[in-house]
PDB file of N, CA and C in Angstrom:
ATOM      1  N   MET A   1      -4.756   7.793  -8.625  1.00  0.00           N
ATOM      2  CA  MET A   1      -5.198   7.230  -7.176  1.00  0.00           C
ATOM      3  C   MET A   1      -4.807   8.084  -6.240  1.00  0.00           C
ATOM      4  N   SER A   2      -5.007   8.552  -4.998  1.00  0.00           N
ATOM      5  CA  SER A   2      -4.565   9.396  -3.689  1.00  0.00           C
ATOM      6  C   SER A   2      -4.288   8.638  -2.898  1.00  0.00           C
ATOM      7  N   ALA A   3      -3.854   9.245  -1.809  1.00  0.00           N
ATOM      8  CA  ALA A   3      -3.373   8.819  -0.435  1.00  0.00           C
ATOM      9  C   ALA A   3      -4.636   8.496  -0.122  1.00  0.00           C
ATOM     10  N   ASN A   4      -5.555   8.873  -0.134  1.00  0.00           N
ATOM     11  CA  ASN A   4      -6.830   8.981   0.669  1.00  0.00           C
ATOM     12  C   ASN A   4      -7.439   7.509   0.004  1.00  0.00           C
ATOM     13  N   LEU A   5      -7.588   7.446  -1.331  1.00  0.00           N
ATOM     14  CA  LEU A   5      -8.179   6.026  -1.925  1.00  0.00           C
ATOM     15  C   LEU A   5      -7.358   5.072  -1.507  1.00  0.00           C
ATOM     16  N   LEU A   6      -6.473   4.853  -1.391  1.00  0.00           N
ATOM     17  CA  LEU A   6      -4.953   3.823  -1.324  1.00  0.00           C
ATOM     18  C   LEU A   6      -5.465   3.440   0.357  1.00  0.00           C
ATOM     19  N   LEU A   7      -5.601   4.202   1.438  1.00  0.00           N
ATOM     20  CA  LEU A   7      -5.955   4.317   3.019  1.00  0.00           C
ATOM     21  C   LEU A   7      -7.282   3.291   2.742  1.00  0.00           C
ATOM     22  N   GLN A   8      -8.017   3.604   1.979  1.00  0.00           N
ATOM     23  CA  GLN A   8      -9.397   3.244   1.721  1.00  0.00           C
ATOM     24  C   GLN A   8      -9.674   1.857   1.727  1.00  0.00           C
ATOM     25  N   GLN A   9      -8.883   1.498   0.579  1.00  0.00           N
ATOM     26  CA  GLN A   9      -8.883   0.346   0.138  1.00  0.00           C
ATOM     27  C   GLN A   9      -7.638  -0.494   1.246  1.00  0.00           C
ATOM     28  N   LEU A  10      -6.566   0.090   1.812  1.00  0.00           N
ATOM     29  CA  LEU A  10      -5.701  -0.659   2.838  1.00  0.00           C
ATOM     30  C   LEU A  10      -6.767  -1.254   3.839  1.00  0.00           C
ATOM     31  N   PHE A  11      -7.927  -0.377   4.358  1.00  0.00           N
ATOM     32  CA  PHE A  11      -8.794  -1.132   5.126  1.00  0.00           C
ATOM     33  C   PHE A  11      -9.579  -2.068   4.843  1.00  0.00           C
ATOM     34  N   LYS A  12      -9.984  -2.409   3.393  1.00  0.00           N
ATOM     35  CA  LYS A  12     -10.809  -3.325   2.741  1.00  0.00           C
ATOM     36  C   LYS A  12      -9.666  -4.570   2.640  1.00  0.00           C
ATOM     37  N   LYS A  13      -8.383  -4.179   2.180  1.00  0.00           N
ATOM     38  CA  LYS A  13      -7.259  -5.219   2.071  1.00  0.00           C
ATOM     39  C   LYS A  13      -5.858  -5.028   2.707  1.00  0.00           C
ATOM     40  N   PRO A  14      -5.818  -5.144   3.891  1.00  0.00           N
ATOM     41  CA  PRO A  14      -4.446  -4.843   4.526  1.00  0.00           C
ATOM     42  C   PRO A  14      -3.279  -5.557   3.762  1.00  0.00           C
ATOM     43  N   VAL A  15      -3.499  -6.303   2.925  1.00  0.00           N
ATOM     44  CA  VAL A  15      -2.211  -6.828   2.122  1.00  0.00           C
ATOM     45  C   VAL A  15      -2.363  -6.318   0.885  1.00  0.00           C
ATOM     46  N   ILE A  16      -1.755  -5.920   0.520  1.00  0.00           N
ATOM     47  CA  ILE A  16      -1.807  -5.756  -1.061  1.00  0.00           C
ATOM     48  C   ILE A  16      -0.511  -5.801  -1.724  1.00  0.00           C
ATOM     49  N   THR A  17      -0.371  -5.789  -3.070  1.00  0.00           N
ATOM     50  CA  THR A  17       0.443  -5.848  -4.240  1.00  0.00           C
ATOM     51  C   THR A  17       0.383  -4.267  -4.623  1.00  0.00           C
ATOM     52  N   VAL A  18       1.677  -4.053  -5.134  1.00  0.00           N
ATOM     53  CA  VAL A  18       1.784  -2.604  -5.923  1.00  0.00           C
ATOM     54  C   VAL A  18       1.392  -2.757  -7.364  1.00  0.00           C
ATOM     55  N   TYR A  19       1.072  -4.060  -7.636  1.00  0.00           N
ATOM     56  CA  TYR A  19       0.516  -4.414  -8.987  1.00  0.00           C
ATOM     57  C   TYR A  19      -0.721  -4.115  -8.911  1.00  0.00           C
ATOM     58  N   GLN A  20      -1.462  -4.705  -7.664  1.00  0.00           N
ATOM     59  CA  GLN A  20      -3.162  -3.902  -7.413  1.00  0.00           C
ATOM     60  C   GLN A  20      -3.445  -2.912  -7.471  1.00  0.00           C
ATOM     61  N   THR A  21      -2.578  -1.639  -6.966  1.00  0.00           N
ATOM     62  CA  THR A  21      -2.991  -0.630  -7.143  1.00  0.00           C
ATOM     63  C   THR A  21      -3.089   0.098  -8.686  1.00  0.00           C
ATOM     64  N   HIS A  22      -2.620  -0.732  -9.504  1.00  0.00           N
ATOM     65  CA  HIS A  22      -2.976  -0.355 -11.248  1.00  0.00           C
ATOM     66  C   HIS A  22      -4.278  -0.472 -11.306  1.00  0.00           C
ATOM     67  N   THR A  23      -5.346  -1.144 -10.479  1.00  0.00           N
ATOM     68  CA  THR A  23      -6.496  -0.640 -10.974  1.00  0.00           C
ATOM     69  C   THR A  23      -7.098   0.445 -10.258  1.00  0.00           C
ATOM     70  N   PHE A  24      -6.491   0.846  -9.502  1.00  0.00           N
ATOM     71  CA  PHE A  24      -6.712   2.233  -8.803  1.00  0.00           C
ATOM     72  C   PHE A  24      -7.047   3.487 -10.189  1.00  0.00           C
ATOM     73  N   PRO A  25      -7.946   4.210 -10.431  1.00  0.00           N
ATOM     74  CA  PRO A  25      -8.377   5.209 -11.388  1.00  0.00           C
ATOM     75  C   PRO A  25      -6.981   6.482 -11.323  1.00  0.00           C
ATOM     76  N   GLY A  26      -6.852   6.735 -12.465  1.00  0.00           N
ATOM     77  CA  GLY A  26      -6.762   8.374 -12.193  1.00  0.00           C
ATOM     78  C   GLY A  26      -4.839   8.875 -12.223  1.00  0.00           C
ATOM     79  N   LEU A  27      -4.097   8.022 -11.776  1.00  0.00           N
ATOM     80  CA  LEU A  27      -2.812   8.523 -11.801  1.00  0.00           C
ATOM     81  C   LEU A  27      -1.841   7.732 -12.556  1.00  0.00           C
ATOM     82  N   SER A  28      -0.800   7.727 -12.816  1.00  0.00           N
ATOM     83  CA  SER A  28       0.171   7.234 -14.024  1.00  0.00           C
ATOM     84  C   SER A  28       0.992   5.898 -12.569  1.00  0.00           C
ATOM     85  N   SER A  29       1.822   5.372 -13.239  1.00  0.00           N
ATOM     86  CA  SER A  29       2.472   4.254 -12.402  1.00  0.00           C
ATOM     87  C   SER A  29       3.411   4.929 -11.129  1.00  0.00           C
ATOM     88  N   LYS A  30       4.113   5.887 -11.713  1.00  0.00           N
ATOM     89  CA  LYS A  30       5.140   7.031 -11.277  1.00  0.00           C
ATOM     90  C   LYS A  30       4.348   7.620 -10.091  1.00  0.00           C
ATOM     91  N   ALA A  31       3.524   8.003 -10.214  1.00  0.00           N
ATOM     92  CA  ALA A  31       2.510   8.801  -9.027  1.00  0.00           C
ATOM     93  C   ALA A  31       2.169   7.701  -7.782  1.00  0.00           C
ATOM     94  N   ARG A  32       1.503   6.557  -8.749  1.00  0.00           N
ATOM     95  CA  ARG A  32       1.020   5.588  -7.673  1.00  0.00           C
ATOM     96  C   ARG A  32       2.219   4.633  -6.637  1.00  0.00           C
ATOM     97  N   ASN A  33       3.428   4.541  -7.243  1.00  0.00           N
ATOM     98  CA  ASN A  33       4.668   4.583  -6.466  1.00  0.00           C
ATOM     99  C   ASN A  33       4.322   5.687  -5.547  1.00  0.00           C
ATOM    100  N   ASP A  34       4.839   6.604  -5.964  1.00  0.00           N
ATOM    101  CA  ASP A  34       5.147   7.755  -4.957  1.00  0.00           C
ATOM    102  C   ASP A  34       4.220   7.699  -3.498  1.00  0.00           C
ATOM    103  N   VAL A  35       3.199   7.521  -4.036  1.00  0.00           N
ATOM    104  CA  VAL A  35       2.101   7.868  -2.968  1.00  0.00           C
ATOM    105  C   VAL A  35       2.080   6.048  -2.035  1.00  0.00           C
ATOM    106  N   ILE A  36       2.166   5.098  -2.419  1.00  0.00           N
ATOM    107  CA  ILE A  36       2.992   4.503  -2.056  1.00  0.00           C
ATOM    108  C   ILE A  36       4.406   4.240  -1.148  1.00  0.00           C
ATOM    109  N   ASP A  37       4.903   4.825  -1.622  1.00  0.00           N
ATOM    110  CA  ASP A  37       6.436   5.217  -0.789  1.00  0.00           C
ATOM    111  C   ASP A  37       6.277   6.008   0.250  1.00  0.00           C
ATOM    112  N   ASN A  38       5.258   7.305  -0.045  1.00  0.00           N
ATOM    113  CA  ASN A  38       4.961   8.526   0.997  1.00  0.00           C
ATOM    114  C   ASN A  38       4.134   7.265   2.474  1.00  0.00           C
ATOM    115  N   PHE A  39       3.874   6.123   1.785  1.00  0.00           N
ATOM    116  CA  PHE A  39       3.139   5.116   3.434  1.00  0.00           C
ATOM    117  C   PHE A  39       3.977   4.533   3.513  1.00  0.00           C
ATOM    118  N   VAL A  40       4.903   4.135   3.175  1.00  0.00           N
ATOM    119  CA  VAL A  40       6.121   2.553   3.471  1.00  0.00           C
ATOM    120  C   VAL A  40       7.006   3.647   4.139  1.00  0.00           C
ATOM    121  N   HIS A  41       7.515   4.858   3.944  1.00  0.00           N
ATOM    122  CA  HIS A  41       8.418   5.785   5.016  1.00  0.00           C
ATOM    123  C   HIS A  41       8.242   6.038   6.193  1.00  0.00           C
ATOM    124  N   PRO A  42       6.912   6.300   6.301  1.00  0.00           N
ATOM    125  CA  PRO A  42       6.915   7.028   7.659  1.00  0.00           C
ATOM    126  C   PRO A  42       6.196   5.639   8.076  1.00  0.00           C
ATOM    127  N   SER A  43       6.311   4.086   8.019  1.00  0.00           N
ATOM    128  CA  SER A  43       6.257   3.258   8.365  1.00  0.00           C
ATOM    129  C   SER A  43       4.157   2.753   8.424  1.00  0.00           C
ATOM    130  N   VAL A  44       3.687   3.319   7.841  1.00  0.00           N
ATOM    131  CA  VAL A  44       2.229   2.958   7.998  1.00  0.00           C
ATOM    132  C   VAL A  44       2.294   1.594   6.984  1.00  0.00           C
ATOM    133  N   LEU A  45       2.974   1.355   5.845  1.00  0.00           N
ATOM    134  CA  LEU A  45       3.057   0.509   5.192  1.00  0.00           C
ATOM    135  C   LEU A  45       3.909  -0.452   5.378  1.00  0.00           C
ATOM    136  N   ARG A  46       4.170  -1.593   5.542  1.00  0.00           N
ATOM    137  CA  ARG A  46       5.561  -2.468   5.612  1.00  0.00           C
ATOM    138  C   ARG A  46       6.004  -3.248   4.184  1.00  0.00           C
ATOM    139  N   GLU A  47       6.999  -2.859   3.666  1.00  0.00           N
ATOM    140  CA  GLU A  47       7.581  -3.555   2.435  1.00  0.00           C
ATOM    141  C   GLU A  47       7.899  -4.994   2.764  1.00  0.00           C
ATOM    142  N   MET A  48       7.231  -6.273   2.467  1.00  0.00           N
ATOM    143  CA  MET A  48       7.889  -7.496   3.031  1.00  0.00           C
ATOM    144  C   MET A  48       8.885  -8.360   2.159  1.00  0.00           C
ATOM    145  N   THR A  49       9.031  -7.789   0.611  1.00  0.00           N
ATOM    146  CA  THR A  49       9.580  -8.449  -0.366  1.00  0.00           C
ATOM    147  C   THR A  49      11.077  -8.205  -0.251  1.00  0.00           C
ATOM    148  N   GLY A  50      10.924  -6.872   0.154  1.00  0.00           N
ATOM    149  CA  GLY A  50      12.567  -6.601  -0.293  1.00  0.00           C
ATOM    150  C   GLY A  50      13.256  -6.368  -1.641  1.00  0.00           C
ATOM    151  N   GLN A  51      12.269  -6.392  -2.410  1.00  0.00           N
ATOM    152  CA  GLN A  51      12.638  -5.996  -4.205  1.00  0.00           C
ATOM    153  C   GLN A  51      12.298  -4.937  -4.543  1.00  0.00           C
ATOM    154  N   SER A  52      12.396  -4.165  -5.317  1.00  0.00           N
ATOM    155  CA  SER A  52      12.015  -2.880  -5.994  1.00  0.00           C
ATOM    156  C   SER A  52      10.664  -3.414  -6.900  1.00  0.00           C
ATOM    157  N   ARG A  53      10.624  -4.718  -7.456  1.00  0.00           N
ATOM    158  CA  ARG A  53       9.308  -4.876  -8.351  1.00  0.00           C
ATOM    159  C   ARG A  53       8.560  -6.148  -7.618  1.00  0.00           C
ATOM    160  N   ASN A  54       7.302  -5.936  -8.196  1.00  0.00           N
ATOM    161  CA  ASN A  54       6.502  -7.273  -7.327  1.00  0.00           C
ATOM    162  C   ASN A  54       6.539  -6.743  -5.822  1.00  0.00           C
ATOM    163  N   ARG A  55       6.510  -6.026  -5.382  1.00  0.00           N
ATOM    164  CA  ARG A  55       6.499  -5.617  -3.849  1.00  0.00           C
ATOM    165  C   ARG A  55       5.128  -5.853  -3.469  1.00  0.00           C
ATOM    166  N   VAL A  56       5.004  -6.646  -2.272  1.00  0.00           N
ATOM    167  CA  VAL A  56       3.599  -6.936  -1.170  1.00  0.00           C
ATOM    168  C   VAL A  56       3.998  -5.750  -0.039  1.00  0.00           C
ATOM    169  N   LEU A  57       2.666  -5.145   0.032  1.00  0.00           N
ATOM    170  CA  LEU A  57       2.570  -4.277   1.409  1.00  0.00           C
ATOM    171  C   LEU A  57       1.643  -4.642   2.111  1.00  0.00           C
ATOM    172  N   VAL A  58       2.059  -4.511   3.521  1.00  0.00           N
ATOM    173  CA  VAL A  58       1.209  -4.765   4.519  1.00  0.00           C
ATOM    174  C   VAL A  58       0.627  -3.582   5.224  1.00  0.00           C
ATOM    175  N   PHE A  59      -0.325  -3.630   5.833  1.00  0.00           N
ATOM    176  CA  PHE A  59      -0.780  -2.434   6.792  1.00  0.00           C
ATOM    177  C   PHE A  59      -1.060  -3.150   8.141  1.00  0.00           C
ATOM    178  N   ASP A  60       0.359  -3.029   8.875  1.00  0.00           N
ATOM    179  CA  ASP A  60       0.361  -3.979   9.829  1.00  0.00           C
ATOM    180  C   ASP A  60      -0.282  -3.416  11.213  1.00  0.00           C
ATOM    181  N   GLU A  61      -0.260  -1.996  11.362  1.00  0.00           N
ATOM    182  CA  GLU A  61      -0.713  -1.646  12.631  1.00  0.00           C
ATOM    183  C   GLU A  61      -2.342  -2.032  12.719  1.00  0.00           C
ATOM    184  N   TYR A  62      -2.818  -1.888  11.625  1.00  0.00           N
ATOM    185  CA  TYR A  62      -4.514  -2.396  11.057  1.00  0.00           C
ATOM    186  C   TYR A  62      -4.324  -3.897  11.396  1.00  0.00           C
ATOM    187  N   LEU A  63      -3.534  -4.720  10.756  1.00  0.00           N
ATOM    188  CA  LEU A  63      -3.989  -5.963  11.485  1.00  0.00           C
ATOM    189  C   LEU A  63      -3.932  -6.362  12.706  1.00  0.00           C
ATOM    190  N   ASP A  64      -2.686  -5.339  13.217  1.00  0.00           N
ATOM    191  CA  ASP A  64      -2.548  -5.784  14.602  1.00  0.00           C
ATOM    192  C   ASP A  64      -3.713  -5.653  15.684  1.00  0.00           C
ATOM    193  N   LYS A  65      -4.250  -5.132  15.427  1.00  0.00           N
ATOM    194  CA  LYS A  65      -6.005  -4.966  15.971  1.00  0.00           C
ATOM    195  C   LYS A  65      -6.735  -5.859  16.102  1.00  0.00           C
ATOM    196  N   PHE A  66      -6.572  -6.962  15.122  1.00  0.00           N
ATOM    197  CA  PHE A  66      -7.408  -8.231  15.424  1.00  0.00           C
ATOM    198  C   PHE A  66      -6.526  -9.693  16.143  1.00  0.00           C
ATOM    199  N   LYS A  67      -5.051  -9.088  16.623  1.00  0.00           N
ATOM    200  CA  LYS A  67      -4.501 -10.369  17.055  1.00  0.00           C
ATOM    201  C   LYS A  67      -5.040 -10.785  18.728  1.00  0.00           C
ATOM    202  N   PHE A  68      -5.113 -11.818  18.426  1.00  0.00           N
ATOM    203  CA  PHE A  68      -5.269 -11.978  19.963  1.00  0.00           C
ATOM    204  C   PHE A  68      -4.304 -12.423  21.101  1.00  0.00           C
TER     205      PHE A  68
END
């Protein structure tokens, strides 16, 4: 999984679990977590569980576009 693949998936499903990223091809679990962390730290994604396992990630900026 590359950052581009993750971003494409987030536009389709803006709330995703880390477990769901395991279906993305090509990278190890550590590499997937590294890509996710690169989205979390600049606040592209918000981790909403506060846990280190079973994390749920939200693409808030995208979801905010649909609020009325």
